[in-house]
PDB file of N, CA and C in Angstrom:
ATOM      1  N   UNK A   1       1.466  -5.977  -5.487  1.00  0.00           N
ATOM      2  CA  UNK A   1       1.547  -4.830  -5.396  1.00  0.00           C
ATOM      3  C   UNK A   1       1.407  -3.753  -6.590  1.00  0.00           C
ATOM      4  N   UNK A   2       0.919  -2.617  -6.641  1.00  0.00           N
ATOM      5  CA  UNK A   2       0.561  -1.952  -7.764  1.00  0.00           C
ATOM      6  C   UNK A   2       1.593  -1.091  -7.777  1.00  0.00           C
ATOM      7  N   UNK A   3       1.686  -0.248  -9.106  1.00  0.00           N
ATOM      8  CA  UNK A   3       2.643   0.768  -9.061  1.00  0.00           C
ATOM      9  C   UNK A   3       2.293   2.036  -8.379  1.00  0.00           C
ATOM     10  N   UNK A   4       1.097   2.408  -8.223  1.00  0.00           N
ATOM     11  CA  UNK A   4       0.663   3.515  -7.307  1.00  0.00           C
ATOM     12  C   UNK A   4       1.082   3.295  -5.958  1.00  0.00           C
ATOM     13  N   UNK A   5       1.188   2.122  -5.380  1.00  0.00           N
ATOM     14  CA  UNK A   5       1.702   1.871  -4.119  1.00  0.00           C
ATOM     15  C   UNK A   5       3.220   2.187  -3.795  1.00  0.00           C
ATOM     16  N   UNK A   6       4.104   2.304  -4.658  1.00  0.00           N
ATOM     17  CA  UNK A   6       5.391   2.462  -4.946  1.00  0.00           C
ATOM     18  C   UNK A   6       5.810   3.900  -4.989  1.00  0.00           C
ATOM     19  N   UNK A   7       6.394   4.410  -3.994  1.00  0.00           N
ATOM     20  CA  UNK A   7       7.249   5.794  -4.179  1.00  0.00           C
ATOM     21  C   UNK A   7       8.058   5.921  -5.520  1.00  0.00           C
ATOM     22  N   UNK A   8       8.278   7.383  -5.879  1.00  0.00           N
ATOM     23  CA  UNK A   8       9.297   7.332  -6.913  1.00  0.00           C
ATOM     24  C   UNK A   8      10.563   7.063  -6.380  1.00  0.00           C
ATOM     25  N   UNK A   9      11.417   6.315  -7.369  1.00  0.00           N
ATOM     26  CA  UNK A   9      12.439   5.701  -7.059  1.00  0.00           C
ATOM     27  C   UNK A   9      12.709   3.955  -6.495  1.00  0.00           C
ATOM     28  N   UNK A  10      11.462   3.736  -6.285  1.00  0.00           N
ATOM     29  CA  UNK A  10      11.455   2.133  -5.672  1.00  0.00           C
ATOM     30  C   UNK A  10      11.547   1.309  -6.949  1.00  0.00           C
ATOM     31  N   UNK A  11      12.431   0.224  -6.580  1.00  0.00           N
ATOM     32  CA  UNK A  11      12.390  -0.698  -7.651  1.00  0.00           C
ATOM     33  C   UNK A  11      11.731  -1.752  -7.417  1.00  0.00           C
ATOM     34  N   UNK A  12      11.375  -2.550  -8.518  1.00  0.00           N
ATOM     35  CA  UNK A  12      10.480  -3.685  -8.622  1.00  0.00           C
ATOM     36  C   UNK A  12      10.662  -4.402  -9.822  1.00  0.00           C
ATOM     37  N   UNK A  13      10.347  -5.435  -9.860  1.00  0.00           N
ATOM     38  CA  UNK A  13      10.025  -6.746 -10.972  1.00  0.00           C
ATOM     39  C   UNK A  13       8.983  -6.604 -11.712  1.00  0.00           C
ATOM     40  N   UNK A  14       8.880  -6.777 -13.014  1.00  0.00           N
ATOM     41  CA  UNK A  14       7.752  -6.755 -13.639  1.00  0.00           C
ATOM     42  C   UNK A  14       8.153  -7.495 -14.960  1.00  0.00           C
ATOM     43  N   UNK A  15       7.482  -8.677 -15.315  1.00  0.00           N
ATOM     44  CA  UNK A  15       7.302  -9.550 -16.521  1.00  0.00           C
ATOM     45  C   UNK A  15       9.448  -9.990 -16.707  1.00  0.00           C
ATOM     46  N   UNK A  16       9.790 -10.046 -15.625  1.00  0.00           N
ATOM     47  CA  UNK A  16      11.140 -10.667 -15.344  1.00  0.00           C
ATOM     48  C   UNK A  16      12.162  -9.639 -15.591  1.00  0.00           C
ATOM     49  N   UNK A  17      12.023  -8.332 -15.647  1.00  0.00           N
ATOM     50  CA  UNK A  17      12.985  -7.475 -15.630  1.00  0.00           C
ATOM     51  C   UNK A  17      13.104  -6.591 -14.455  1.00  0.00           C
ATOM     52  N   UNK A  18      13.892  -5.889 -14.090  1.00  0.00           N
ATOM     53  CA  UNK A  18      13.822  -5.063 -13.094  1.00  0.00           C
ATOM     54  C   UNK A  18      13.600  -3.542 -13.494  1.00  0.00           C
ATOM     55  N   UNK A  19      12.881  -2.841 -12.615  1.00  0.00           N
ATOM     56  CA  UNK A  19      12.772  -1.211 -13.449  1.00  0.00           C
ATOM     57  C   UNK A  19      12.915  -0.488 -11.934  1.00  0.00           C
ATOM     58  N   UNK A  20      12.728   0.905 -12.268  1.00  0.00           N
ATOM     59  CA  UNK A  20      12.970   1.833 -11.314  1.00  0.00           C
ATOM     60  C   UNK A  20      11.622   2.668 -11.257  1.00  0.00           C
ATOM     61  N   UNK A  21      10.765   2.818 -10.481  1.00  0.00           N
ATOM     62  CA  UNK A  21       9.701   4.013 -10.643  1.00  0.00           C
ATOM     63  C   UNK A  21      10.107   5.343 -11.047  1.00  0.00           C
ATOM     64  N   UNK A  22       9.640   6.141 -12.074  1.00  0.00           N
ATOM     65  CA  UNK A  22      10.057   7.219 -12.418  1.00  0.00           C
ATOM     66  C   UNK A  22       9.215   8.330 -12.863  1.00  0.00           C
ATOM     67  N   UNK A  23       7.939   7.977 -12.330  1.00  0.00           N
ATOM     68  CA  UNK A  23       6.659   8.557 -12.670  1.00  0.00           C
ATOM     69  C   UNK A  23       5.486   8.073 -12.232  1.00  0.00           C
ATOM     70  N   UNK A  24       4.149   8.688 -12.351  1.00  0.00           N
ATOM     71  CA  UNK A  24       2.973   7.639 -11.933  1.00  0.00           C
ATOM     72  C   UNK A  24       2.713   6.492 -12.421  1.00  0.00           C
ATOM     73  N   UNK A  25       3.074   6.405 -13.642  1.00  0.00           N
ATOM     74  CA  UNK A  25       2.826   5.301 -14.644  1.00  0.00           C
ATOM     75  C   UNK A  25       3.919   4.981 -15.449  1.00  0.00           C
ATOM     76  N   UNK A  26       5.101   5.148 -15.185  1.00  0.00           N
ATOM     77  CA  UNK A  26       6.516   5.140 -15.699  1.00  0.00           C
ATOM     78  C   UNK A  26       7.234   4.542 -15.169  1.00  0.00           C
ATOM     79  N   UNK A  27       8.298   3.529 -15.790  1.00  0.00           N
ATOM     80  CA  UNK A  27       9.265   3.147 -15.088  1.00  0.00           C
ATOM     81  C   UNK A  27      10.524   2.945 -15.985  1.00  0.00           C
ATOM     82  N   UNK A  28      11.920   3.082 -15.495  1.00  0.00           N
ATOM     83  CA  UNK A  28      12.965   2.934 -16.286  1.00  0.00           C
ATOM     84  C   UNK A  28      13.626   1.381 -16.253  1.00  0.00           C
ATOM     85  N   UNK A  29      13.808   0.787 -16.851  1.00  0.00           N
ATOM     86  CA  UNK A  29      14.650  -0.564 -16.846  1.00  0.00           C
ATOM     87  C   UNK A  29      16.299  -0.356 -16.471  1.00  0.00           C
ATOM     88  N   UNK A  30      16.710  -1.485 -15.624  1.00  0.00           N
ATOM     89  CA  UNK A  30      18.016  -1.440 -15.437  1.00  0.00           C
ATOM     90  C   UNK A  30      18.876  -1.614 -16.764  1.00  0.00           C
ATOM     91  N   UNK A  31      18.329  -2.262 -17.721  1.00  0.00           N
ATOM     92  CA  UNK A  31      18.965  -2.451 -19.081  1.00  0.00           C
ATOM     93  C   UNK A  31      18.986  -1.018 -19.815  1.00  0.00           C
ATOM     94  N   UNK A  32      18.121  -0.047 -19.669  1.00  0.00           N
ATOM     95  CA  UNK A  32      17.890   1.018 -20.389  1.00  0.00           C
ATOM     96  C   UNK A  32      16.621   1.027 -20.848  1.00  0.00           C
ATOM     97  N   UNK A  33      16.239   2.541 -21.037  1.00  0.00           N
ATOM     98  CA  UNK A  33      15.009   2.451 -21.641  1.00  0.00           C
ATOM     99  C   UNK A  33      13.473   2.620 -20.544  1.00  0.00           C
ATOM    100  N   UNK A  34      12.653   3.559 -21.066  1.00  0.00           N
ATOM    101  CA  UNK A  34      11.563   3.821 -20.431  1.00  0.00           C
ATOM    102  C   UNK A  34      10.461   2.811 -20.563  1.00  0.00           C
ATOM    103  N   UNK A  35       9.346   2.721 -19.714  1.00  0.00           N
ATOM    104  CA  UNK A  35       8.168   1.978 -20.217  1.00  0.00           C
ATOM    105  C   UNK A  35       6.935   2.248 -19.353  1.00  0.00           C
ATOM    106  N   UNK A  36       6.048   2.474 -20.132  1.00  0.00           N
ATOM    107  CA  UNK A  36       4.881   2.586 -19.264  1.00  0.00           C
ATOM    108  C   UNK A  36       4.376   1.168 -18.636  1.00  0.00           C
ATOM    109  N   UNK A  37       4.030   1.158 -17.243  1.00  0.00           N
ATOM    110  CA  UNK A  37       3.749   0.103 -16.572  1.00  0.00           C
ATOM    111  C   UNK A  37       1.830   0.138 -16.515  1.00  0.00           C
ATOM    112  N   UNK A  38       1.368  -0.828 -16.987  1.00  0.00           N
ATOM    113  CA  UNK A  38      -0.142  -0.635 -16.843  1.00  0.00           C
ATOM    114  C   UNK A  38      -0.646  -0.580 -15.545  1.00  0.00           C
ATOM    115  N   UNK A  39      -1.953  -0.227 -15.336  1.00  0.00           N
ATOM    116  CA  UNK A  39      -2.514  -0.305 -13.882  1.00  0.00           C
ATOM    117  C   UNK A  39      -2.728  -1.559 -13.626  1.00  0.00           C
ATOM    118  N   UNK A  40      -3.169  -2.422 -14.205  1.00  0.00           N
ATOM    119  CA  UNK A  40      -3.475  -3.826 -13.747  1.00  0.00           C
ATOM    120  C   UNK A  40      -1.995  -4.619 -13.169  1.00  0.00           C
ATOM    121  N   UNK A  41      -0.840  -4.139 -13.810  1.00  0.00           N
ATOM    122  CA  UNK A  41       0.000  -4.920 -13.505  1.00  0.00           C
ATOM    123  C   UNK A  41       0.498  -5.397 -11.844  1.00  0.00           C
ATOM    124  N   UNK A  42       0.705  -6.600 -11.557  1.00  0.00           N
ATOM    125  CA  UNK A  42       1.180  -6.931 -10.370  1.00  0.00           C
ATOM    126  C   UNK A  42       2.724  -6.976 -10.233  1.00  0.00           C
ATOM    127  N   UNK A  43       3.135  -6.014  -9.385  1.00  0.00           N
ATOM    128  CA  UNK A  43       4.664  -5.737  -9.250  1.00  0.00           C
ATOM    129  C   UNK A  43       5.271  -6.528  -8.024  1.00  0.00           C
ATOM    130  N   UNK A  44       6.396  -7.027  -7.961  1.00  0.00           N
ATOM    131  CA  UNK A  44       7.093  -7.406  -6.890  1.00  0.00           C
ATOM    132  C   UNK A  44       8.546  -6.603  -6.581  1.00  0.00           C
ATOM    133  N   UNK A  45       8.255  -5.937  -5.354  1.00  0.00           N
ATOM    134  CA  UNK A  45       9.407  -5.045  -4.984  1.00  0.00           C
ATOM    135  C   UNK A  45      10.652  -5.772  -4.716  1.00  0.00           C
ATOM    136  N   UNK A  46      11.912  -5.213  -5.600  1.00  0.00           N
ATOM    137  CA  UNK A  46      12.966  -5.862  -5.495  1.00  0.00           C
ATOM    138  C   UNK A  46      13.814  -5.707  -4.320  1.00  0.00           C
ATOM    139  N   UNK A  47      13.579  -4.416  -3.604  1.00  0.00           N
ATOM    140  CA  UNK A  47      14.655  -4.374  -2.441  1.00  0.00           C
ATOM    141  C   UNK A  47      13.607  -4.935  -0.836  1.00  0.00           C
ATOM    142  N   UNK A  48      12.926  -5.663  -1.217  1.00  0.00           N
ATOM    143  CA  UNK A  48      12.039  -6.171   0.173  1.00  0.00           C
ATOM    144  C   UNK A  48      11.022  -5.461   0.118  1.00  0.00           C
ATOM    145  N   UNK A  49      10.665  -4.585   1.373  1.00  0.00           N
ATOM    146  CA  UNK A  49       9.739  -3.588   1.774  1.00  0.00           C
ATOM    147  C   UNK A  49      10.292  -2.456   0.907  1.00  0.00           C
ATOM    148  N   UNK A  50       9.261  -1.664   0.426  1.00  0.00           N
ATOM    149  CA  UNK A  50       9.448  -0.451  -0.439  1.00  0.00           C
ATOM    150  C   UNK A  50      10.144   0.616   0.684  1.00  0.00           C
ATOM    151  N   UNK A  51      10.698   1.821   0.075  1.00  0.00           N
ATOM    152  CA  UNK A  51      10.938   2.741   1.179  1.00  0.00           C
ATOM    153  C   UNK A  51       9.865   3.430   1.487  1.00  0.00           C
ATOM    154  N   UNK A  52       9.403   4.013   2.475  1.00  0.00           N
ATOM    155  CA  UNK A  52       8.472   4.432   3.010  1.00  0.00           C
ATOM    156  C   UNK A  52       8.224   6.173   2.451  1.00  0.00           C
ATOM    157  N   UNK A  53       6.972   5.933   1.781  1.00  0.00           N
ATOM    158  CA  UNK A  53       6.755   7.388   1.495  1.00  0.00           C
ATOM    159  C   UNK A  53       6.826   8.405   2.406  1.00  0.00           C
ATOM    160  N   UNK A  54       7.012   9.760   1.790  1.00  0.00           N
ATOM    161  CA  UNK A  54       7.364  11.309   2.721  1.00  0.00           C
ATOM    162  C   UNK A  54       5.951  11.205   3.513  1.00  0.00           C
ATOM    163  N   UNK A  55       6.163  11.662   4.772  1.00  0.00           N
ATOM    164  CA  UNK A  55       4.908  11.832   5.627  1.00  0.00           C
ATOM    165  C   UNK A  55       4.013  12.853   4.985  1.00  0.00           C
ATOM    166  N   UNK A  56       2.726  12.547   4.949  1.00  0.00           N
ATOM    167  CA  UNK A  56       1.713  13.847   4.567  1.00  0.00           C
ATOM    168  C   UNK A  56       2.192  15.195   5.728  1.00  0.00           C
ATOM    169  N   UNK A  57       1.880  16.518   4.845  1.00  0.00           N
ATOM    170  CA  UNK A  57       2.068  17.538   5.363  1.00  0.00           C
ATOM    171  C   UNK A  57       0.803  17.790   6.009  1.00  0.00           C
ATOM    172  N   UNK A  58       1.055  17.915   7.472  1.00  0.00           N
ATOM    173  CA  UNK A  58      -0.280  18.393   7.983  1.00  0.00           C
ATOM    174  C   UNK A  58      -0.504  19.985   7.996  1.00  0.00           C
ATOM    175  N   UNK A  59      -1.791  20.223   7.665  1.00  0.00           N
ATOM    176  CA  UNK A  59      -2.149  21.614   7.617  1.00  0.00           C
ATOM    177  C   UNK A  59      -3.475  21.759   7.865  1.00  0.00           C
ATOM    178  N   UNK A  60      -3.521  22.949   8.732  1.00  0.00           N
ATOM    179  CA  UNK A  60      -4.610  23.153   9.608  1.00  0.00           C
ATOM    180  C   UNK A  60      -5.140  24.541   8.810  1.00  0.00           C
ATOM    181  N   UNK A  61      -6.577  24.705   8.737  1.00  0.00           N
ATOM    182  CA  UNK A  61      -7.070  25.828   8.199  1.00  0.00           C
ATOM    183  C   UNK A  61      -8.167  26.203   9.175  1.00  0.00           C
ATOM    184  N   UNK A  62      -8.339  27.575   9.456  1.00  0.00           N
ATOM    185  CA  UNK A  62      -9.306  28.005  10.135  1.00  0.00           C
ATOM    186  C   UNK A  62     -10.705  27.645   9.859  1.00  0.00           C
ATOM    187  N   UNK A  63     -11.601  27.407  10.767  1.00  0.00           N
ATOM    188  CA  UNK A  63     -13.063  27.056  10.354  1.00  0.00           C
ATOM    189  C   UNK A  63     -13.777  28.200   9.953  1.00  0.00           C
ATOM    190  N   UNK A  64     -13.404  29.438  10.182  1.00  0.00           N
ATOM    191  CA  UNK A  64     -13.951  30.544   9.689  1.00  0.00           C
ATOM    192  C   UNK A  64     -13.878  30.927   7.995  1.00  0.00           C
ATOM    193  N   UNK A  65     -12.268  30.399   7.525  1.00  0.00           N
ATOM    194  CA  UNK A  65     -12.243  30.635   6.308  1.00  0.00           C
ATOM    195  C   UNK A  65     -12.442  29.410   5.518  1.00  0.00           C
ATOM    196  N   UNK A  66     -12.885  28.200   6.328  1.00  0.00           N
ATOM    197  CA  UNK A  66     -13.654  27.397   5.486  1.00  0.00           C
ATOM    198  C   UNK A  66     -14.904  27.715   5.276  1.00  0.00           C
ATOM    199  N   UNK A  67     -15.784  28.230   5.997  1.00  0.00           N
ATOM    200  CA  UNK A  67     -17.234  28.601   5.990  1.00  0.00           C
ATOM    201  C   UNK A  67     -17.268  29.617   5.187  1.00  0.00           C
ATOM    202  N   UNK A  68     -16.186  30.558   5.000  1.00  0.00           N
ATOM    203  CA  UNK A  68     -16.423  31.838   4.182  1.00  0.00           C
ATOM    204  C   UNK A  68     -16.174  31.401   2.777  1.00  0.00           C
ATOM    205  N   UNK A  69     -15.337  30.342   2.268  1.00  0.00           N
ATOM    206  CA  UNK A  69     -14.905  29.591   1.255  1.00  0.00           C
ATOM    207  C   UNK A  69     -16.270  28.945   0.988  1.00  0.00           C
ATOM    208  N   UNK A  70     -16.908  28.011   1.702  1.00  0.00           N
ATOM    209  CA  UNK A  70     -18.004  27.110   1.392  1.00  0.00           C
ATOM    210  C   UNK A  70     -18.946  28.169   1.234  1.00  0.00           C
ATOM    211  N   UNK A  71     -19.568  29.328   2.095  1.00  0.00           N
ATOM    212  CA  UNK A  71     -20.674  30.229   1.604  1.00  0.00           C
ATOM    213  C   UNK A  71     -20.461  30.476   0.182  1.00  0.00           C
ATOM    214  N   UNK A  72     -19.410  31.025  -0.420  1.00  0.00           N
ATOM    215  CA  UNK A  72     -19.279  31.391  -1.700  1.00  0.00           C
ATOM    216  C   UNK A  72     -19.646  30.292  -2.708  1.00  0.00           C
ATOM    217  N   UNK A  73     -19.038  29.130  -2.396  1.00  0.00           N
ATOM    218  CA  UNK A  73     -19.358  28.050  -3.235  1.00  0.00           C
ATOM    219  C   UNK A  73     -20.627  27.626  -3.471  1.00  0.00           C
ATOM    220  N   UNK A  74     -21.627  27.840  -2.042  1.00  0.00           N
ATOM    221  CA  UNK A  74     -22.920  27.498  -1.928  1.00  0.00           C
ATOM    222  C   UNK A  74     -23.766  28.501  -2.609  1.00  0.00           C
ATOM    223  N   UNK A  75     -23.295  29.716  -2.569  1.00  0.00           N
ATOM    224  CA  UNK A  75     -24.023  30.676  -3.399  1.00  0.00           C
ATOM    225  C   UNK A  75     -24.292  30.550  -4.744  1.00  0.00           C
ATOM    226  N   UNK A  76     -22.877  30.064  -5.419  1.00  0.00           N
ATOM    227  CA  UNK A  76     -22.855  29.576  -7.169  1.00  0.00           C
ATOM    228  C   UNK A  76     -23.753  28.609  -7.154  1.00  0.00           C
ATOM    229  N   UNK A  77     -23.747  27.561  -6.025  1.00  0.00           N
ATOM    230  CA  UNK A  77     -24.460  26.118  -6.561  1.00  0.00           C
ATOM    231  C   UNK A  77     -25.987  26.643  -6.534  1.00  0.00           C
ATOM    232  N   UNK A  78     -26.251  27.540  -5.325  1.00  0.00           N
ATOM    233  CA  UNK A  78     -27.812  27.929  -5.285  1.00  0.00           C
ATOM    234  C   UNK A  78     -28.407  28.563  -6.451  1.00  0.00           C
ATOM    235  N   UNK A  79     -27.523  29.457  -7.276  1.00  0.00           N
ATOM    236  CA  UNK A  79     -27.849  29.875  -8.650  1.00  0.00           C
ATOM    237  C   UNK A  79     -28.035  29.264  -9.735  1.00  0.00           C
ATOM    238  N   UNK A  80     -27.471  27.979  -9.610  1.00  0.00           N
ATOM    239  CA  UNK A  80     -27.261  27.169 -10.710  1.00  0.00           C
ATOM    240  C   UNK A  80     -28.058  25.952 -10.504  1.00  0.00           C
ATOM    241  N   UNK A  81     -28.906  25.727  -9.289  1.00  0.00           N
ATOM    242  CA  UNK A  81     -29.668  24.692  -8.799  1.00  0.00           C
ATOM    243  C   UNK A  81     -31.169  25.134  -9.427  1.00  0.00           C
ATOM    244  N   UNK A  82     -32.192  23.962  -9.787  1.00  0.00           N
ATOM    245  CA  UNK A  82     -33.369  24.849  -9.988  1.00  0.00           C
ATOM    246  C   UNK A  82     -34.220  24.401  -8.570  1.00  0.00           C
ATOM    247  N   UNK A  83     -35.517  24.890  -8.526  1.00  0.00           N
ATOM    248  CA  UNK A  83     -36.368  24.819  -7.449  1.00  0.00           C
ATOM    249  C   UNK A  83     -36.368  23.255  -6.822  1.00  0.00           C
ATOM    250  N   UNK A  84     -36.547  22.353  -7.550  1.00  0.00           N
ATOM    251  CA  UNK A  84     -36.266  20.795  -7.333  1.00  0.00           C
ATOM    252  C   UNK A  84     -35.237  20.424  -6.526  1.00  0.00           C
ATOM    253  N   UNK A  85     -33.995  20.919  -6.688  1.00  0.00           N
ATOM    254  CA  UNK A  85     -32.946  20.402  -6.109  1.00  0.00           C
ATOM    255  C   UNK A  85     -32.457  21.520  -4.887  1.00  0.00           C
ATOM    256  N   UNK A  86     -33.194  22.415  -4.720  1.00  0.00           N
ATOM    257  CA  UNK A  86     -32.602  23.261  -3.654  1.00  0.00           C
ATOM    258  C   UNK A  86     -32.916  22.730  -2.145  1.00  0.00           C
ATOM    259  N   UNK A  87     -33.916  21.919  -2.045  1.00  0.00           N
ATOM    260  CA  UNK A  87     -34.118  21.196  -0.536  1.00  0.00           C
ATOM    261  C   UNK A  87     -33.022  20.393  -0.600  1.00  0.00           C
ATOM    262  N   UNK A  88     -32.578  19.376  -1.271  1.00  0.00           N
ATOM    263  CA  UNK A  88     -31.513  18.557  -1.163  1.00  0.00           C
ATOM    264  C   UNK A  88     -30.137  19.370  -1.209  1.00  0.00           C
ATOM    265  N   UNK A  89     -30.012  20.455  -1.875  1.00  0.00           N
ATOM    266  CA  UNK A  89     -28.739  21.284  -1.758  1.00  0.00           C
ATOM    267  C   UNK A  89     -28.680  21.926  -0.001  1.00  0.00           C
ATOM    268  N   UNK A  90     -29.733  21.992   0.355  1.00  0.00           N
ATOM    269  CA  UNK A  90     -29.847  22.856   1.341  1.00  0.00           C
ATOM    270  C   UNK A  90     -29.350  21.895   2.605  1.00  0.00           C
ATOM    271  N   UNK A  91     -29.992  20.648   2.515  1.00  0.00           N
ATOM    272  CA  UNK A  91     -29.815  19.543   3.247  1.00  0.00           C
ATOM    273  C   UNK A  91     -28.518  19.244   3.550  1.00  0.00           C
ATOM    274  N   UNK A  92     -27.607  19.273   2.234  1.00  0.00           N
ATOM    275  CA  UNK A  92     -26.246  18.846   2.167  1.00  0.00           C
ATOM    276  C   UNK A  92     -25.456  20.003   2.907  1.00  0.00           C
ATOM    277  N   UNK A  93     -25.838  21.217   2.955  1.00  0.00           N
ATOM    278  CA  UNK A  93     -25.350  22.090   3.575  1.00  0.00           C
ATOM    279  C   UNK A  93     -25.036  22.335   4.731  1.00  0.00           C
ATOM    280  N   UNK A  94     -26.396  21.885   5.253  1.00  0.00           N
ATOM    281  CA  UNK A  94     -26.540  21.677   6.812  1.00  0.00           C
ATOM    282  C   UNK A  94     -25.704  20.673   7.213  1.00  0.00           C
ATOM    283  N   UNK A  95     -25.549  19.521   6.660  1.00  0.00           N
ATOM    284  CA  UNK A  95     -24.746  18.176   7.036  1.00  0.00           C
ATOM    285  C   UNK A  95     -23.305  18.898   6.996  1.00  0.00           C
ATOM    286  N   UNK A  96     -22.810  19.681   5.918  1.00  0.00           N
ATOM    287  CA  UNK A  96     -21.160  19.851   5.897  1.00  0.00           C
ATOM    288  C   UNK A  96     -21.122  20.712   7.023  1.00  0.00           C
ATOM    289  N   UNK A  97     -21.932  21.849   7.451  1.00  0.00           N
ATOM    290  CA  UNK A  97     -21.657  22.936   8.501  1.00  0.00           C
ATOM    291  C   UNK A  97     -21.778  22.136   9.926  1.00  0.00           C
ATOM    292  N   UNK A  98     -22.483  20.928  10.091  1.00  0.00           N
ATOM    293  CA  UNK A  98     -22.577  20.257  11.091  1.00  0.00           C
ATOM    294  C   UNK A  98     -21.419  19.322  11.471  1.00  0.00           C
ATOM    295  N   UNK A  99     -20.890  19.104  10.309  1.00  0.00           N
ATOM    296  CA  UNK A  99     -19.411  18.381  10.430  1.00  0.00           C
ATOM    297  C   UNK A  99     -18.408  19.248  10.714  1.00  0.00           C
ATOM    298  N   UNK A 100     -18.165  20.625  10.583  1.00  0.00           N
ATOM    299  CA  UNK A 100     -17.336  21.528  11.209  1.00  0.00           C
ATOM    300  C   UNK A 100     -17.201  21.524  12.670  1.00  0.00           C
ATOM    301  N   UNK A 101     -18.617  21.472  12.880  1.00  0.00           N
ATOM    302  CA  UNK A 101     -18.723  21.665  14.593  1.00  0.00           C
ATOM    303  C   UNK A 101     -18.187  20.286  15.390  1.00  0.00           C
ATOM    304  N   UNK A 102     -17.926  19.069  14.715  1.00  0.00           N
ATOM    305  CA  UNK A 102     -17.348  18.005  15.504  1.00  0.00           C
ATOM    306  C   UNK A 102     -15.933  18.471  15.961  1.00  0.00           C
TER     307      UNK A 102
END
């Protein structure tokens, strides 16, 4: 298991010591002190299965609001794109708008 898979506050074992996750890449040892945990580190949860993370907050956005924001973004992209890239940009715009209809 990787550190990114554990929620803040989860306990784990790394290199024979017990740590508690305190940040995205940091943990505090039971014996004291903070340590950065490398991304490649393979960790063993101490308390069995790690506690579940908070459920993702569901948020819905009105399709017209999305279209309006996207049109403003697309206008900027269109001004910054040369003639050779405009056809591909327009195709990507059409795919995006079609995905809103599904």
